[in-house]
Amino acid sequence: MELSVAQTVIEKMYSHQDRVRGSAGTFLWFMEEVGELAAALASGTADEKSGEFADVLAWLMTLANVEGIDLTEAFRKYSEGCPGCGKMVCSCNEKV
């Protein structure tokens, strides 16, 4: 599934309650899922990790939808190379 299609699916499923909750509340749910992913990475099974990655991605899409951000368009800058050094194989030393 393409990212744009997935973001549309999330929009259709949750848009009303997401907008009622707002950005701040949605961000808190997103961070909770990031915490669950951290726990799964530390000691979870492959299935648990997979589920948590999916949850984090879904909540990121939810937050983007609330903010009116098209993630495909936002991510497009990475298709041209690293935003830091501009190379397709990053040579930045900042995040090593």
PDB file of N, CA and C in Angstrom:
ATOM      1  N   MET A   1       0.850  -1.179   0.000  1.00  0.00           N
ATOM      2  CA  MET A   1       0.000   0.000   0.000  1.00  0.00           C
ATOM      3  C   MET A   1       0.893   1.238   0.000  1.00  0.00           C
ATOM      4  N   GLU A   2       0.549   2.175  -0.849  1.00  0.00           N
ATOM      5  CA  GLU A   2       1.299   3.431  -0.902  1.00  0.00           C
ATOM      6  C   GLU A   2       0.958   4.297   0.305  1.00  0.00           C
ATOM      7  N   LEU A   3       1.910   5.127   0.683  1.00  0.00           N
ATOM      8  CA  LEU A   3       1.739   6.000   1.840  1.00  0.00           C
ATOM      9  C   LEU A   3       0.494   6.877   1.703  1.00  0.00           C
ATOM     10  N   SER A   4       0.267   7.433   0.530  1.00  0.00           N
ATOM     11  CA  SER A   4      -0.892   8.310   0.333  1.00  0.00           C
ATOM     12  C   SER A   4      -2.203   7.554   0.520  1.00  0.00           C
ATOM     13  N   VAL A   5      -2.248   6.314   0.069  1.00  0.00           N
ATOM     14  CA  VAL A   5      -3.449   5.489   0.240  1.00  0.00           C
ATOM     15  C   VAL A   5      -3.652   5.176   1.719  1.00  0.00           C
ATOM     16  N   ALA A   6      -2.579   4.813   2.393  1.00  0.00           N
ATOM     17  CA  ALA A   6      -2.668   4.510   3.823  1.00  0.00           C
ATOM     18  C   ALA A   6      -3.141   5.729   4.610  1.00  0.00           C
ATOM     19  N   GLN A   7      -2.639   6.900   4.273  1.00  0.00           N
ATOM     20  CA  GLN A   7      -3.053   8.116   4.976  1.00  0.00           C
ATOM     21  C   GLN A   7      -4.533   8.397   4.724  1.00  0.00           C
ATOM     22  N   THR A   8      -5.017   8.113   3.530  1.00  0.00           N
ATOM     23  CA  THR A   8      -6.435   8.286   3.217  1.00  0.00           C
ATOM     24  C   THR A   8      -7.293   7.289   3.997  1.00  0.00           C
ATOM     25  N   VAL A   9      -6.825   6.058   4.129  1.00  0.00           N
ATOM     26  CA  VAL A   9      -7.544   5.050   4.919  1.00  0.00           C
ATOM     27  C   VAL A   9      -7.686   5.519   6.363  1.00  0.00           C
ATOM     28  N   ILE A  10      -6.602   6.000   6.943  1.00  0.00           N
ATOM     29  CA  ILE A  10      -6.635   6.499   8.325  1.00  0.00           C
ATOM     30  C   ILE A  10      -7.585   7.687   8.428  1.00  0.00           C
ATOM     31  N   GLU A  11      -7.559   8.553   7.441  1.00  0.00           N
ATOM     32  CA  GLU A  11      -8.459   9.718   7.417  1.00  0.00           C
ATOM     33  C   GLU A  11      -9.919   9.268   7.443  1.00  0.00           C
ATOM     34  N   LYS A  12     -10.260   8.296   6.603  1.00  0.00           N
ATOM     35  CA  LYS A  12     -11.640   7.818   6.535  1.00  0.00           C
ATOM     36  C   LYS A  12     -12.072   7.156   7.845  1.00  0.00           C
ATOM     37  N   MET A  13     -11.177   6.397   8.458  1.00  0.00           N
ATOM     38  CA  MET A  13     -11.523   5.669   9.670  1.00  0.00           C
ATOM     39  C   MET A  13     -11.682   6.571  10.892  1.00  0.00           C
ATOM     40  N   TYR A  14     -10.829   7.571  11.018  1.00  0.00           N
ATOM     41  CA  TYR A  14     -10.721   8.270  12.297  1.00  0.00           C
ATOM     42  C   TYR A  14     -10.869   9.785  12.243  1.00  0.00           C
ATOM     43  N   SER A  15     -11.115  10.372  11.091  1.00  0.00           N
ATOM     44  CA  SER A  15     -11.010  11.826  10.959  1.00  0.00           C
ATOM     45  C   SER A  15     -11.883  12.609  11.941  1.00  0.00           C
ATOM     46  N   HIS A  16     -13.107  12.176  12.156  1.00  0.00           N
ATOM     47  CA  HIS A  16     -13.979  12.953  13.032  1.00  0.00           C
ATOM     48  C   HIS A  16     -13.424  12.997  14.453  1.00  0.00           C
ATOM     49  N   GLN A  17     -13.157  11.844  15.036  1.00  0.00           N
ATOM     50  CA  GLN A  17     -12.678  11.834  16.422  1.00  0.00           C
ATOM     51  C   GLN A  17     -11.286  12.445  16.545  1.00  0.00           C
ATOM     52  N   ASP A  18     -10.475  12.323  15.502  1.00  0.00           N
ATOM     53  CA  ASP A  18      -9.139  12.914  15.548  1.00  0.00           C
ATOM     54  C   ASP A  18      -9.217  14.433  15.633  1.00  0.00           C
ATOM     55  N   ARG A  19     -10.096  15.026  14.851  1.00  0.00           N
ATOM     56  CA  ARG A  19     -10.213  16.483  14.862  1.00  0.00           C
ATOM     57  C   ARG A  19     -10.842  16.984  16.160  1.00  0.00           C
ATOM     58  N   VAL A  20     -11.733  16.205  16.735  1.00  0.00           N
ATOM     59  CA  VAL A  20     -12.305  16.564  18.037  1.00  0.00           C
ATOM     60  C   VAL A  20     -11.207  16.534  19.103  1.00  0.00           C
ATOM     61  N   ARG A  21     -10.342  15.521  19.045  1.00  0.00           N
ATOM     62  CA  ARG A  21      -9.254  15.377  20.015  1.00  0.00           C
ATOM     63  C   ARG A  21      -8.227  16.481  19.827  1.00  0.00           C
ATOM     64  N   GLY A  22      -7.981  16.885  18.575  1.00  0.00           N
ATOM     65  CA  GLY A  22      -7.024  17.940  18.277  1.00  0.00           C
ATOM     66  C   GLY A  22      -5.588  17.460  18.224  1.00  0.00           C
ATOM     67  N   SER A  23      -4.721  18.373  17.845  1.00  0.00           N
ATOM     68  CA  SER A  23      -3.300  18.038  17.679  1.00  0.00           C
ATOM     69  C   SER A  23      -2.621  17.632  18.978  1.00  0.00           C
ATOM     70  N   ALA A  24      -2.873  18.365  20.035  1.00  0.00           N
ATOM     71  CA  ALA A  24      -2.188  18.072  21.304  1.00  0.00           C
ATOM     72  C   ALA A  24      -2.573  16.692  21.827  1.00  0.00           C
ATOM     73  N   GLY A  25      -3.853  16.383  21.830  1.00  0.00           N
ATOM     74  CA  GLY A  25      -4.302  15.081  22.303  1.00  0.00           C
ATOM     75  C   GLY A  25      -3.826  13.956  21.400  1.00  0.00           C
ATOM     76  N   THR A  26      -3.837  14.197  20.107  1.00  0.00           N
ATOM     77  CA  THR A  26      -3.380  13.194  19.153  1.00  0.00           C
ATOM     78  C   THR A  26      -1.887  12.954  19.312  1.00  0.00           C
ATOM     79  N   PHE A  27      -1.141  14.020  19.562  1.00  0.00           N
ATOM     80  CA  PHE A  27       0.298  13.870  19.773  1.00  0.00           C
ATOM     81  C   PHE A  27       0.585  13.020  21.010  1.00  0.00           C
ATOM     82  N   LEU A  28      -0.197  13.198  22.060  1.00  0.00           N
ATOM     83  CA  LEU A  28      -0.001  12.385  23.268  1.00  0.00           C
ATOM     84  C   LEU A  28      -0.242  10.900  22.977  1.00  0.00           C
ATOM     85  N   TRP A  29      -1.282  10.587  22.203  1.00  0.00           N
ATOM     86  CA  TRP A  29      -1.532   9.195  21.821  1.00  0.00           C
ATOM     87  C   TRP A  29      -0.386   8.669  20.971  1.00  0.00           C
ATOM     88  N   PHE A  30       0.122   9.488  20.051  1.00  0.00           N
ATOM     89  CA  PHE A  30       1.251   9.101  19.217  1.00  0.00           C
ATOM     90  C   PHE A  30       2.458   8.760  20.091  1.00  0.00           C
ATOM     91  N   MET A  31       2.732   9.606  21.074  1.00  0.00           N
ATOM     92  CA  MET A  31       3.889   9.368  21.948  1.00  0.00           C
ATOM     93  C   MET A  31       3.712   8.109  22.795  1.00  0.00           C
ATOM     94  N   GLU A  32       2.486   7.826  23.190  1.00  0.00           N
ATOM     95  CA  GLU A  32       2.228   6.584  23.924  1.00  0.00           C
ATOM     96  C   GLU A  32       2.585   5.386  23.046  1.00  0.00           C
ATOM     97  N   GLU A  33       2.213   5.457  21.777  1.00  0.00           N
ATOM     98  CA  GLU A  33       2.537   4.363  20.857  1.00  0.00           C
ATOM     99  C   GLU A  33       4.041   4.256  20.631  1.00  0.00           C
ATOM    100  N   VAL A  34       4.742   5.388  20.591  1.00  0.00           N
ATOM    101  CA  VAL A  34       6.202   5.351  20.467  1.00  0.00           C
ATOM    102  C   VAL A  34       6.797   4.641  21.685  1.00  0.00           C
ATOM    103  N   GLY A  35       6.252   4.902  22.861  1.00  0.00           N
ATOM    104  CA  GLY A  35       6.714   4.218  24.074  1.00  0.00           C
ATOM    105  C   GLY A  35       6.468   2.719  24.007  1.00  0.00           C
ATOM    106  N   GLU A  36       5.319   2.328  23.488  1.00  0.00           N
ATOM    107  CA  GLU A  36       5.032   0.903  23.338  1.00  0.00           C
ATOM    108  C   GLU A  36       5.974   0.259  22.331  1.00  0.00           C
ATOM    109  N   LEU A  37       6.320   0.992  21.276  1.00  0.00           N
ATOM    110  CA  LEU A  37       7.297   0.478  20.315  1.00  0.00           C
ATOM    111  C   LEU A  37       8.659   0.301  20.989  1.00  0.00           C
ATOM    112  N   ALA A  38       9.049   1.258  21.815  1.00  0.00           N
ATOM    113  CA  ALA A  38      10.328   1.157  22.527  1.00  0.00           C
ATOM    114  C   ALA A  38      10.361  -0.097  23.398  1.00  0.00           C
ATOM    115  N   ALA A  39       9.269  -0.370  24.090  1.00  0.00           N
ATOM    116  CA  ALA A  39       9.199  -1.565  24.937  1.00  0.00           C
ATOM    117  C   ALA A  39       9.271  -2.836  24.088  1.00  0.00           C
ATOM    118  N   ALA A  40       8.577  -2.839  22.944  1.00  0.00           N
ATOM    119  CA  ALA A  40       8.603  -4.011  22.066  1.00  0.00           C
ATOM    120  C   ALA A  40       9.998  -4.235  21.495  1.00  0.00           C
ATOM    121  N   LEU A  41      10.690  -3.150  21.142  1.00  0.00           N
ATOM    122  CA  LEU A  41      12.051  -3.287  20.625  1.00  0.00           C
ATOM    123  C   LEU A  41      12.981  -3.877  21.674  1.00  0.00           C
ATOM    124  N   ALA A  42      12.736  -3.541  22.928  1.00  0.00           N
ATOM    125  CA  ALA A  42      13.592  -4.022  24.013  1.00  0.00           C
ATOM    126  C   ALA A  42      13.372  -5.502  24.309  1.00  0.00           C
ATOM    127  N   SER A  43      12.116  -5.949  24.228  1.00  0.00           N
ATOM    128  CA  SER A  43      11.880  -7.332  24.654  1.00  0.00           C
ATOM    129  C   SER A  43      10.699  -8.014  23.970  1.00  0.00           C
ATOM    130  N   GLY A  44      10.210  -7.460  22.892  1.00  0.00           N
ATOM    131  CA  GLY A  44       9.036  -8.035  22.242  1.00  0.00           C
ATOM    132  C   GLY A  44       9.373  -9.057  21.179  1.00  0.00           C
ATOM    133  N   THR A  45       8.345  -9.786  20.784  1.00  0.00           N
ATOM    134  CA  THR A  45       8.474 -10.727  19.679  1.00  0.00           C
ATOM    135  C   THR A  45       8.436  -9.960  18.356  1.00  0.00           C
ATOM    136  N   ALA A  46       8.728 -10.644  17.289  1.00  0.00           N
ATOM    137  CA  ALA A  46       8.659 -10.009  15.971  1.00  0.00           C
ATOM    138  C   ALA A  46       7.234  -9.538  15.682  1.00  0.00           C
ATOM    139  N   ASP A  47       6.236 -10.310  16.058  1.00  0.00           N
ATOM    140  CA  ASP A  47       4.838  -9.909  15.852  1.00  0.00           C
ATOM    141  C   ASP A  47       4.484  -8.674  16.667  1.00  0.00           C
ATOM    142  N   GLU A  48       4.955  -8.609  17.903  1.00  0.00           N
ATOM    143  CA  GLU A  48       4.690  -7.438  18.744  1.00  0.00           C
ATOM    144  C   GLU A  48       5.364  -6.194  18.162  1.00  0.00           C
ATOM    145  N   LYS A  49       6.592  -6.342  17.707  1.00  0.00           N
ATOM    146  CA  LYS A  49       7.304  -5.217  17.091  1.00  0.00           C
ATOM    147  C   LYS A  49       6.567  -4.744  15.848  1.00  0.00           C
ATOM    148  N   SER A  50       6.155  -5.682  15.008  1.00  0.00           N
ATOM    149  CA  SER A  50       5.432  -5.343  13.788  1.00  0.00           C
ATOM    150  C   SER A  50       4.157  -4.566  14.105  1.00  0.00           C
ATOM    151  N   GLY A  51       3.412  -5.024  15.091  1.00  0.00           N
ATOM    152  CA  GLY A  51       2.184  -4.348  15.489  1.00  0.00           C
ATOM    153  C   GLY A  51       2.435  -2.947  16.000  1.00  0.00           C
ATOM    154  N   GLU A  52       3.480  -2.775  16.765  1.00  0.00           N
ATOM    155  CA  GLU A  52       3.789  -1.453  17.309  1.00  0.00           C
ATOM    156  C   GLU A  52       4.298  -0.502  16.229  1.00  0.00           C
ATOM    157  N   PHE A  53       5.092  -1.019  15.278  1.00  0.00           N
ATOM    158  CA  PHE A  53       5.492  -0.169  14.155  1.00  0.00           C
ATOM    159  C   PHE A  53       4.263   0.313  13.397  1.00  0.00           C
ATOM    160  N   ALA A  54       3.307  -0.593  13.172  1.00  0.00           N
ATOM    161  CA  ALA A  54       2.073  -0.221  12.466  1.00  0.00           C
ATOM    162  C   ALA A  54       1.301   0.829  13.255  1.00  0.00           C
ATOM    163  N   ASP A  55       1.217   0.656  14.576  1.00  0.00           N
ATOM    164  CA  ASP A  55       0.497   1.629  15.412  1.00  0.00           C
ATOM    165  C   ASP A  55       1.153   3.006  15.351  1.00  0.00           C
ATOM    166  N   VAL A  56       2.479   3.050  15.426  1.00  0.00           N
ATOM    167  CA  VAL A  56       3.193   4.330  15.363  1.00  0.00           C
ATOM    168  C   VAL A  56       2.948   5.008  14.020  1.00  0.00           C
ATOM    169  N   LEU A  57       3.017   4.235  12.951  1.00  0.00           N
ATOM    170  CA  LEU A  57       2.781   4.811  11.628  1.00  0.00           C
ATOM    171  C   LEU A  57       1.344   5.325  11.508  1.00  0.00           C
ATOM    172  N   ALA A  58       0.381   4.562  12.008  1.00  0.00           N
ATOM    173  CA  ALA A  58      -1.019   4.990  11.944  1.00  0.00           C
ATOM    174  C   ALA A  58      -1.238   6.275  12.730  1.00  0.00           C
ATOM    175  N   TRP A  59      -0.645   6.371  13.911  1.00  0.00           N
ATOM    176  CA  TRP A  59      -0.819   7.588  14.711  1.00  0.00           C
ATOM    177  C   TRP A  59      -0.075   8.773  14.110  1.00  0.00           C
ATOM    178  N   LEU A  60       1.056   8.533  13.446  1.00  0.00           N
ATOM    179  CA  LEU A  60       1.747   9.609  12.736  1.00  0.00           C
ATOM    180  C   LEU A  60       0.867  10.131  11.610  1.00  0.00           C
ATOM    181  N   MET A  61       0.230   9.211  10.886  1.00  0.00           N
ATOM    182  CA  MET A  61      -0.689   9.614   9.825  1.00  0.00           C
ATOM    183  C   MET A  61      -1.878  10.381  10.392  1.00  0.00           C
ATOM    184  N   THR A  62      -2.373   9.935  11.514  1.00  0.00           N
ATOM    185  CA  THR A  62      -3.480  10.618  12.176  1.00  0.00           C
ATOM    186  C   THR A  62      -3.100  12.053  12.505  1.00  0.00           C
ATOM    187  N   LEU A  63      -1.935  12.227  13.105  1.00  0.00           N
ATOM    188  CA  LEU A  63      -1.465  13.558  13.468  1.00  0.00           C
ATOM    189  C   LEU A  63      -1.280  14.427  12.227  1.00  0.00           C
ATOM    190  N   ALA A  64      -0.722  13.859  11.181  1.00  0.00           N
ATOM    191  CA  ALA A  64      -0.553  14.601   9.926  1.00  0.00           C
ATOM    192  C   ALA A  64      -1.912  15.017   9.364  1.00  0.00           C
ATOM    193  N   ASN A  65      -2.890  14.130   9.425  1.00  0.00           N
ATOM    194  CA  ASN A  65      -4.224  14.460   8.933  1.00  0.00           C
ATOM    195  C   ASN A  65      -4.838  15.607   9.733  1.00  0.00           C
ATOM    196  N   VAL A  66      -4.713  15.563  11.040  1.00  0.00           N
ATOM    197  CA  VAL A  66      -5.253  16.639  11.884  1.00  0.00           C
ATOM    198  C   VAL A  66      -4.611  17.968  11.507  1.00  0.00           C
ATOM    199  N   GLU A  67      -3.334  17.939  11.179  1.00  0.00           N
ATOM    200  CA  GLU A  67      -2.594  19.154  10.829  1.00  0.00           C
ATOM    201  C   GLU A  67      -2.688  19.516   9.353  1.00  0.00           C
ATOM    202  N   GLY A  68      -3.346  18.667   8.553  1.00  0.00           N
ATOM    203  CA  GLY A  68      -3.485  18.947   7.128  1.00  0.00           C
ATOM    204  C   GLY A  68      -2.201  18.755   6.332  1.00  0.00           C
ATOM    205  N   ILE A  69      -1.378  17.825   6.759  1.00  0.00           N
ATOM    206  CA  ILE A  69      -0.092  17.562   6.110  1.00  0.00           C
ATOM    207  C   ILE A  69      -0.183  16.301   5.269  1.00  0.00           C
ATOM    208  N   ASP A  70       0.193  16.404   4.008  1.00  0.00           N
ATOM    209  CA  ASP A  70       0.286  15.255   3.111  1.00  0.00           C
ATOM    210  C   ASP A  70       1.672  14.648   3.320  1.00  0.00           C
ATOM    211  N   LEU A  71       1.729  13.477   3.933  1.00  0.00           N
ATOM    212  CA  LEU A  71       3.024  12.877   4.259  1.00  0.00           C
ATOM    213  C   LEU A  71       3.834  12.505   3.022  1.00  0.00           C
ATOM    214  N   THR A  72       3.163  12.120   1.946  1.00  0.00           N
ATOM    215  CA  THR A  72       3.893  11.815   0.718  1.00  0.00           C
ATOM    216  C   THR A  72       4.637  13.051   0.237  1.00  0.00           C
ATOM    217  N   GLU A  73       3.950  14.165   0.229  1.00  0.00           N
ATOM    218  CA  GLU A  73       4.576  15.417  -0.202  1.00  0.00           C
ATOM    219  C   GLU A  73       5.667  15.849   0.784  1.00  0.00           C
ATOM    220  N   ALA A  74       5.390  15.717   2.069  1.00  0.00           N
ATOM    221  CA  ALA A  74       6.374  16.110   3.085  1.00  0.00           C
ATOM    222  C   ALA A  74       7.649  15.272   2.989  1.00  0.00           C
ATOM    223  N   PHE A  75       7.484  13.995   2.655  1.00  0.00           N
ATOM    224  CA  PHE A  75       8.633  13.090   2.599  1.00  0.00           C
ATOM    225  C   PHE A  75       9.401  13.196   1.287  1.00  0.00           C
ATOM    226  N   ARG A  76       8.810  13.862   0.308  1.00  0.00           N
ATOM    227  CA  ARG A  76       9.419  13.959  -1.022  1.00  0.00           C
ATOM    228  C   ARG A  76      10.851  14.507  -0.972  1.00  0.00           C
ATOM    229  N   LYS A  77      11.149  15.376  -0.032  1.00  0.00           N
ATOM    230  CA  LYS A  77      12.490  15.960   0.033  1.00  0.00           C
ATOM    231  C   LYS A  77      13.570  14.890   0.216  1.00  0.00           C
ATOM    232  N   TYR A  78      13.204  13.751   0.797  1.00  0.00           N
ATOM    233  CA  TYR A  78      14.180  12.685   0.989  1.00  0.00           C
ATOM    234  C   TYR A  78      14.499  11.958  -0.310  1.00  0.00           C
ATOM    235  N   SER A  79      13.654  12.081  -1.329  1.00  0.00           N
ATOM    236  CA  SER A  79      13.916  11.422  -2.608  1.00  0.00           C
ATOM    237  C   SER A  79      15.071  12.087  -3.347  1.00  0.00           C
ATOM    238  N   GLU A  80      15.457  13.260  -2.923  1.00  0.00           N
ATOM    239  CA  GLU A  80      16.545  14.005  -3.561  1.00  0.00           C
ATOM    240  C   GLU A  80      17.865  13.855  -2.817  1.00  0.00           C
ATOM    241  N   GLY A  81      17.843  13.109  -1.717  1.00  0.00           N
ATOM    242  CA  GLY A  81      19.043  12.908  -0.921  1.00  0.00           C
ATOM    243  C   GLY A  81      18.848  13.389   0.498  1.00  0.00           C
ATOM    244  N   CYS A  82      19.835  13.179   1.299  1.00  0.00           N
ATOM    245  CA  CYS A  82      19.797  13.574   2.710  1.00  0.00           C
ATOM    246  C   CYS A  82      19.556  15.083   2.825  1.00  0.00           C
ATOM    247  N   PRO A  83      18.584  15.501   3.641  1.00  0.00           N
ATOM    248  CA  PRO A  83      18.353  16.938   3.812  1.00  0.00           C
ATOM    249  C   PRO A  83      19.555  17.673   4.397  1.00  0.00           C
ATOM    250  N   GLY A  84      20.434  16.946   5.092  1.00  0.00           N
ATOM    251  CA  GLY A  84      21.613  17.572   5.686  1.00  0.00           C
ATOM    252  C   GLY A  84      22.749  17.788   4.704  1.00  0.00           C
ATOM    253  N   CYS A  85      23.177  16.688   4.055  1.00  0.00           N
ATOM    254  CA  CYS A  85      24.346  16.776   3.165  1.00  0.00           C
ATOM    255  C   CYS A  85      23.978  16.733   1.688  1.00  0.00           C
ATOM    256  N   GLY A  86      22.742  16.370   1.367  1.00  0.00           N
ATOM    257  CA  GLY A  86      22.289  16.330  -0.017  1.00  0.00           C
ATOM    258  C   GLY A  86      22.677  15.080  -0.785  1.00  0.00           C
ATOM    259  N   LYS A  87      23.356  14.142  -0.149  1.00  0.00           N
ATOM    260  CA  LYS A  87      23.810  12.933  -0.839  1.00  0.00           C
ATOM    261  C   LYS A  87      22.805  11.798  -0.652  1.00  0.00           C
ATOM    262  N   MET A  88      22.750  10.890  -1.638  1.00  0.00           N
ATOM    263  CA  MET A  88      21.856   9.738  -1.533  1.00  0.00           C
ATOM    264  C   MET A  88      22.337   8.756  -0.471  1.00  0.00           C
ATOM    265  N   VAL A  89      23.634   8.683  -0.250  1.00  0.00           N
ATOM    266  CA  VAL A  89      24.185   7.920   0.869  1.00  0.00           C
ATOM    267  C   VAL A  89      24.727   8.958   1.840  1.00  0.00           C
ATOM    268  N   CYS A  90      24.009   9.139   2.932  1.00  0.00           N
ATOM    269  CA  CYS A  90      24.323  10.209   3.874  1.00  0.00           C
ATOM    270  C   CYS A  90      25.766  10.137   4.369  1.00  0.00           C
ATOM    271  N   SER A  91      26.397  11.302   4.392  1.00  0.00           N
ATOM    272  CA  SER A  91      27.757  11.373   4.945  1.00  0.00           C
ATOM    273  C   SER A  91      27.802  12.341   6.125  1.00  0.00           C
ATOM    274  N   CYS A  92      26.635  12.679   6.651  1.00  0.00           N
ATOM    275  CA  CYS A  92      26.581  13.552   7.837  1.00  0.00           C
ATOM    276  C   CYS A  92      27.126  12.782   9.044  1.00  0.00           C
ATOM    277  N   ASN A  93      27.858  13.467   9.880  1.00  0.00           N
ATOM    278  CA  ASN A  93      28.386  12.846  11.088  1.00  0.00           C
ATOM    279  C   ASN A  93      27.598  13.244  12.339  1.00  0.00           C
ATOM    280  N   GLU A  94      26.587  14.089  12.157  1.00  0.00           N
ATOM    281  CA  GLU A  94      25.868  14.648  13.292  1.00  0.00           C
ATOM    282  C   GLU A  94      25.065  13.613  14.077  1.00  0.00           C
ATOM    283  N   LYS A  95      24.526  12.589  13.424  1.00  0.00           N
ATOM    284  CA  LYS A  95      23.641  11.638  14.089  1.00  0.00           C
ATOM    285  C   LYS A  95      24.233  10.247  14.197  1.00  0.00           C
ATOM    286  N   VAL A  96      25.551  10.154  14.169  1.00  0.00           N
ATOM    287  CA  VAL A  96      26.212   8.856  14.255  1.00  0.00           C
ATOM    288  C   VAL A  96      26.189   8.366  15.675  1.00  0.00           C
TER     289      VAL A  96
END
